[in-house]
Protein backbone atom coordinates (compact mmCIF):
# COMPACT_ATOMS: atom_id res chain seq x y z
CA MET A 1 -61.33 -77.86 37.64
CA PHE A 2 -59.30 -79.09 35.07
CA ARG A 3 -55.56 -77.47 35.27
CA ARG A 4 -53.54 -79.63 32.50
CA ALA A 5 -53.94 -82.05 29.94
CA LEU A 6 -52.06 -84.54 28.03
CA VAL A 7 -52.02 -85.20 24.36
CA ARG A 8 -50.51 -87.44 21.77
CA PRO A 9 -50.14 -85.84 18.26
CA PRO A 10 -51.25 -88.45 15.83
CA GLY A 11 -48.03 -89.77 13.65
CA PRO A 12 -47.73 -90.22 9.55
CA THR A 13 -48.94 -94.00 10.61
CA PHE A 14 -52.63 -93.33 11.87
CA ALA A 15 -55.17 -94.44 8.36
CA ASP A 16 -53.06 -97.41 9.78
CA GLY A 17 -55.30 -97.58 13.08
CA LEU A 18 -58.83 -99.35 14.13
CA THR A 19 -61.72 -98.66 12.74
CA THR A 20 -65.58 -100.32 12.78
CA VAL A 21 -66.94 -97.09 10.10
CA ASP A 22 -66.47 -96.49 6.37
CA LEU A 23 -66.22 -93.02 6.24
CA GLY A 24 -63.02 -93.00 4.04
CA VAL A 25 -59.46 -92.78 4.17
CA PRO A 26 -58.00 -89.95 6.84
CA ASP A 27 -56.60 -86.62 5.05
CA TYR A 28 -53.17 -86.60 6.72
CA ASP A 29 -52.58 -82.75 7.00
CA ARG A 30 -56.07 -82.05 8.26
CA VAL A 31 -55.57 -84.35 10.76
CA MET A 32 -52.90 -82.49 12.37
CA GLU A 33 -54.40 -79.08 11.51
CA GLN A 34 -57.90 -80.60 13.62
CA HIS A 35 -55.46 -82.09 16.61
CA ALA A 36 -53.56 -78.61 16.82
CA ALA A 37 -57.35 -76.85 16.89
CA TYR A 38 -58.46 -79.18 19.36
CA CYS A 39 -55.44 -78.47 21.68
CA ARG A 40 -55.31 -75.12 21.71
CA ALA A 41 -58.87 -74.63 22.31
CA LEU A 42 -57.84 -76.76 25.57
CA GLU A 43 -55.45 -73.93 26.79
CA ARG A 44 -57.94 -71.60 26.10
CA CYS A 45 -59.88 -74.02 28.38
CA GLY A 46 -57.68 -72.86 30.79
CA LEU A 47 -55.78 -75.69 30.83
CA THR A 48 -51.74 -76.52 30.20
CA VAL A 49 -51.16 -78.76 27.63
CA THR A 50 -48.61 -81.81 27.69
CA HIS A 51 -47.43 -82.88 24.24
CA LEU A 52 -46.17 -86.36 23.82
CA GLU A 53 -44.00 -87.80 21.72
CA GLU A 54 -46.32 -89.65 18.07
CA ASP A 55 -46.32 -93.09 18.01
CA THR A 56 -45.98 -94.67 14.96
CA ARG A 57 -45.64 -98.23 16.21
CA HIS A 58 -49.16 -97.58 17.99
CA PRO A 59 -50.89 -95.96 15.25
CA ASP A 60 -54.41 -95.43 17.17
CA SER A 61 -51.86 -93.62 20.26
CA THR A 62 -53.77 -90.38 20.00
CA PHE A 63 -56.34 -92.15 21.70
CA VAL A 64 -55.08 -91.41 24.73
CA GLU A 65 -57.75 -91.13 27.25
CA ASP A 66 -58.39 -95.89 26.74
CA THR A 67 -55.11 -95.93 28.64
CA ALA A 68 -55.49 -95.00 32.28
CA ILE A 69 -59.02 -93.56 33.94
CA LEU A 70 -57.53 -90.06 36.22
CA THR A 71 -58.93 -89.81 39.55
CA PRO A 72 -57.81 -86.49 42.37
CA SER A 73 -55.74 -89.37 44.12
CA ARG A 74 -54.99 -91.72 41.36
CA ALA A 75 -54.40 -92.44 37.88
CA ILE A 76 -55.54 -96.40 37.13
CA LEU A 77 -54.27 -97.38 34.08
CA THR A 78 -56.37 -99.47 31.43
CA ARG A 79 -56.15 -102.67 29.79
CA PRO A 80 -57.20 -101.82 26.14
CA GLY A 81 -59.44 -104.40 24.79
CA ALA A 82 -57.76 -104.62 20.96
CA ALA A 83 -54.58 -105.76 21.70
CA SER A 84 -52.55 -104.10 18.92
CA ARG A 85 -52.88 -101.27 21.28
CA ALA A 86 -51.53 -102.48 24.80
CA GLY A 87 -48.50 -101.30 24.16
CA GLU A 88 -49.64 -97.93 24.54
CA VAL A 89 -50.65 -98.05 28.22
CA ALA A 90 -46.92 -98.86 29.14
CA ALA A 91 -45.86 -95.14 27.30
CA ILE A 92 -48.66 -93.53 28.84
CA ARG A 93 -47.56 -94.56 32.35
CA GLY A 94 -43.84 -92.65 32.54
CA SER A 95 -46.30 -89.08 31.85
CA LEU A 96 -48.69 -90.13 34.41
CA SER A 97 -45.89 -90.71 36.84
CA VAL A 98 -44.84 -87.12 37.18
CA HIS A 99 -47.91 -85.66 38.16
CA TYR A 100 -49.12 -89.16 39.98
CA PRO A 101 -47.43 -90.44 42.96
CA GLU A 102 -50.46 -93.89 43.42
CA ILE A 103 -50.94 -95.51 40.19
CA THR A 104 -51.81 -99.13 39.70
CA ALA A 105 -52.52 -101.03 36.84
CA LEU A 106 -55.45 -103.27 35.68
CA ALA A 107 -54.04 -106.82 36.50
CA GLY A 108 -56.55 -108.92 34.43
CA PRO A 109 -57.53 -110.60 33.28
CA GLY A 110 -60.99 -108.66 31.80
CA THR A 111 -60.17 -105.47 29.75
CA LEU A 112 -60.96 -102.41 30.11
CA ASP A 113 -61.04 -99.46 27.82
CA GLY A 114 -60.87 -95.46 29.24
CA GLY A 115 -63.54 -94.66 26.53
CA ASP A 116 -66.91 -96.25 27.91
CA VAL A 117 -65.78 -94.81 31.71
CA CYS A 118 -67.73 -91.85 31.97
CA GLU A 119 -67.49 -89.38 35.18
CA ALA A 120 -70.11 -87.38 36.37
CA ASP A 121 -69.45 -85.80 39.75
CA GLY A 122 -67.46 -88.72 41.86
CA HIS A 123 -69.12 -91.59 40.42
CA PHE A 124 -68.28 -93.77 37.31
CA ILE A 125 -70.54 -95.27 34.70
CA ILE A 126 -68.51 -98.12 33.56
CA GLY A 127 -69.50 -99.53 30.09
CA VAL A 128 -69.44 -102.86 29.43
CA SER A 129 -68.32 -103.18 25.09
CA HIS A 130 -66.97 -104.99 22.66
CA ARG A 131 -63.50 -104.03 24.26
CA THR A 132 -64.38 -103.55 27.44
CA SER A 133 -65.32 -106.80 29.40
CA GLU A 134 -67.48 -107.46 32.56
CA GLN A 135 -64.16 -108.66 34.05
CA GLY A 136 -62.83 -105.50 33.80
CA ALA A 137 -65.26 -103.14 34.17
CA HIS A 138 -65.34 -105.36 37.89
CA GLU A 139 -62.26 -104.37 38.82
CA LEU A 140 -62.04 -100.85 37.94
CA ALA A 141 -65.20 -101.00 40.05
CA ASP A 142 -63.18 -102.43 43.21
CA ILE A 143 -60.07 -100.13 42.30
CA LEU A 144 -62.58 -97.58 42.25
CA ALA A 145 -64.32 -98.15 45.71
CA GLU A 146 -60.89 -98.34 47.64
CA ASN A 147 -61.33 -94.26 47.28
CA GLY A 148 -64.82 -93.84 48.18
CA HIS A 149 -65.55 -93.42 44.09
CA THR A 150 -69.20 -95.65 43.83
CA SER A 151 -69.35 -96.46 39.62
CA THR A 152 -72.46 -98.27 38.09
CA PHE A 153 -72.08 -101.01 35.06
CA VAL A 154 -73.98 -100.49 31.96
CA ASP A 155 -73.89 -103.19 28.62
CA ILE A 156 -73.99 -101.70 25.38
CA ARG A 157 -72.82 -104.45 22.91
CA GLY A 158 -76.32 -104.20 21.48
CA VAL A 159 -75.93 -100.56 20.46
CA GLU A 160 -76.31 -100.18 17.22
CA ASP A 161 -72.75 -97.72 15.85
CA ILE A 162 -71.07 -97.35 19.07
CA LEU A 163 -67.69 -98.45 20.22
CA HIS A 164 -67.53 -96.97 23.00
CA LEU A 165 -70.17 -95.80 26.05
CA LYS A 166 -68.95 -92.44 25.72
CA SER A 167 -69.41 -92.41 22.10
CA GLY A 168 -73.04 -92.37 23.65
CA ILE A 169 -73.24 -91.00 26.60
CA ALA A 170 -71.28 -87.41 27.58
CA TYR A 171 -71.82 -85.72 31.15
CA VAL A 172 -72.38 -81.48 31.30
CA GLY A 173 -72.06 -81.07 34.74
CA ASP A 174 -75.47 -79.52 36.61
CA GLY A 175 -76.58 -82.82 36.59
CA ARG A 176 -77.06 -83.05 32.97
CA MET A 177 -75.95 -86.00 30.77
CA VAL A 178 -76.18 -85.50 26.92
CA ALA A 179 -76.76 -89.44 25.27
CA ILE A 180 -78.42 -90.71 22.22
CA PRO A 181 -81.75 -92.39 22.22
CA PRO A 182 -80.78 -95.85 22.91
CA LEU A 183 -79.39 -94.79 25.61
CA ALA A 184 -81.08 -91.87 26.83
CA ARG A 185 -84.21 -94.09 28.26
CA HIS A 186 -81.61 -96.14 30.24
CA PRO A 187 -82.66 -96.32 33.60
CA MET A 188 -78.81 -95.68 34.91
CA LEU A 189 -79.70 -92.00 33.73
CA ARG A 190 -83.09 -91.35 35.54
CA SER A 191 -81.18 -89.59 38.15
CA TYR A 192 -80.25 -86.92 35.72
CA GLU A 193 -81.38 -84.51 33.02
CA VAL A 194 -81.05 -85.96 29.95
CA ILE A 195 -80.27 -83.99 26.49
CA CYS A 196 -81.27 -86.65 23.40
CA VAL A 197 -79.09 -86.21 20.51
CA GLU A 198 -81.31 -87.95 17.69
CA SER A 199 -80.19 -89.80 15.16
CA PRO A 200 -78.81 -87.86 12.41
CA GLU A 201 -76.25 -85.92 15.03
CA ALA A 202 -75.33 -88.57 17.43
CA TYR A 203 -71.75 -88.63 16.72
CA ALA A 204 -72.32 -85.33 18.66
CA ALA A 205 -73.23 -86.93 21.85
CA ASN A 206 -69.10 -86.98 22.48
CA CYS A 207 -68.48 -83.56 23.83
CA VAL A 208 -66.23 -82.99 26.63
CA ARG A 209 -67.11 -79.82 29.02
CA VAL A 210 -63.74 -78.47 30.45
CA ASN A 211 -63.65 -76.04 33.15
CA ASP A 212 -66.84 -73.30 32.65
CA ARG A 213 -66.30 -74.07 28.20
CA LEU A 214 -68.13 -77.35 26.39
CA LEU A 215 -66.01 -78.79 23.52
CA VAL A 216 -68.59 -79.65 20.60
CA ALA A 217 -67.98 -81.45 17.43
CA ALA A 218 -68.50 -79.07 14.66
CA GLY A 219 -71.83 -79.69 11.89
CA HIS A 220 -74.47 -79.98 14.61
CA PRO A 221 -76.73 -77.22 14.55
CA ARG A 222 -79.18 -78.72 16.36
CA PHE A 223 -77.22 -79.94 19.34
CA GLU A 224 -75.79 -77.21 19.07
CA ALA A 225 -78.72 -74.70 19.68
CA ALA A 226 -80.07 -76.72 21.84
CA ILE A 227 -77.40 -77.16 24.23
CA ARG A 228 -76.95 -73.16 23.64
CA ARG A 229 -80.41 -72.37 24.85
CA LEU A 230 -79.32 -73.68 28.23
CA GLY A 231 -76.42 -71.71 28.75
CA TYR A 232 -73.57 -73.32 28.02
CA ASP A 233 -70.61 -71.71 26.97
CA LEU A 234 -69.83 -74.29 23.34
CA VAL A 235 -66.55 -74.44 21.35
CA PRO A 236 -67.28 -75.86 17.87
CA LEU A 237 -64.43 -78.37 16.05
CA GLU A 238 -63.52 -79.88 13.39
CA MET A 239 -63.59 -83.73 14.32
CA SER A 240 -64.14 -85.22 10.32
CA GLU A 241 -60.42 -86.94 10.29
CA PHE A 242 -60.79 -88.15 13.43
CA GLN A 243 -64.33 -89.36 13.37
CA LYS A 244 -63.54 -91.99 10.37
CA MET A 245 -60.92 -93.30 12.80
CA ASP A 246 -63.68 -93.93 15.52
CA GLY A 247 -62.15 -90.83 17.45
CA GLY A 248 -64.32 -88.16 19.74
CA LEU A 249 -63.69 -85.10 20.85
CA SER A 250 -63.06 -86.96 24.60
CA CYS A 251 -60.05 -89.58 23.15
CA LEU A 252 -57.91 -87.19 22.75
CA SER A 253 -57.00 -86.11 25.97
CA LEU A 254 -56.59 -87.09 29.83
CA ARG A 255 -57.47 -83.75 31.52
CA PHE A 256 -57.36 -83.75 35.10
């Protein structure tokens, strides 16, 4: 059960951030509306939400998930694969220290983004991507093992149209994994019941289980119908402006 979340509101420089897609320039008013709705949804799921200050020096800083991996006993600070995001990690450390007496930082030289790490009941699937290097993945795995957590790696550098592993998979509890077609068939998921999200709705694969509810990106009716049939209580949220900047639902908070 999650009890808390850290979020950082997008600053007015949000549109200057990194993106690999060409979906237009984010509308800042809509960005703020969508972020506020996201925060309200976390609160409805029972979480106490801490709102950090906006960081105009780092346009991507609203995607706080990339800065840390949180386990029940330890916070692990990452080493983002984009040099422009390095300052975000230092900015999050103080906020995490309030809740985590033990904080470990990846030492490098490898890199790792939090969006490449999918936890499933204490097991961590780590994506090797254009942002997360093999060295970074192995360093994280060694730290996790110190606390008894297992991990596996999957190379997603050849998977088109996703920036991070969690752009293409999400663990939704109950032994079920949501996945886009190129990952749904991967051997790493053979122990899970896989809910495949077909290509026209691939963005919906980045959904977030928060206690008894499932946050999903609005506008994907086939996926919503399939997941509702399995008994999930859905909270659809508009994410159009974050999608323009390679962002998804999981990116916008650190939940613990």
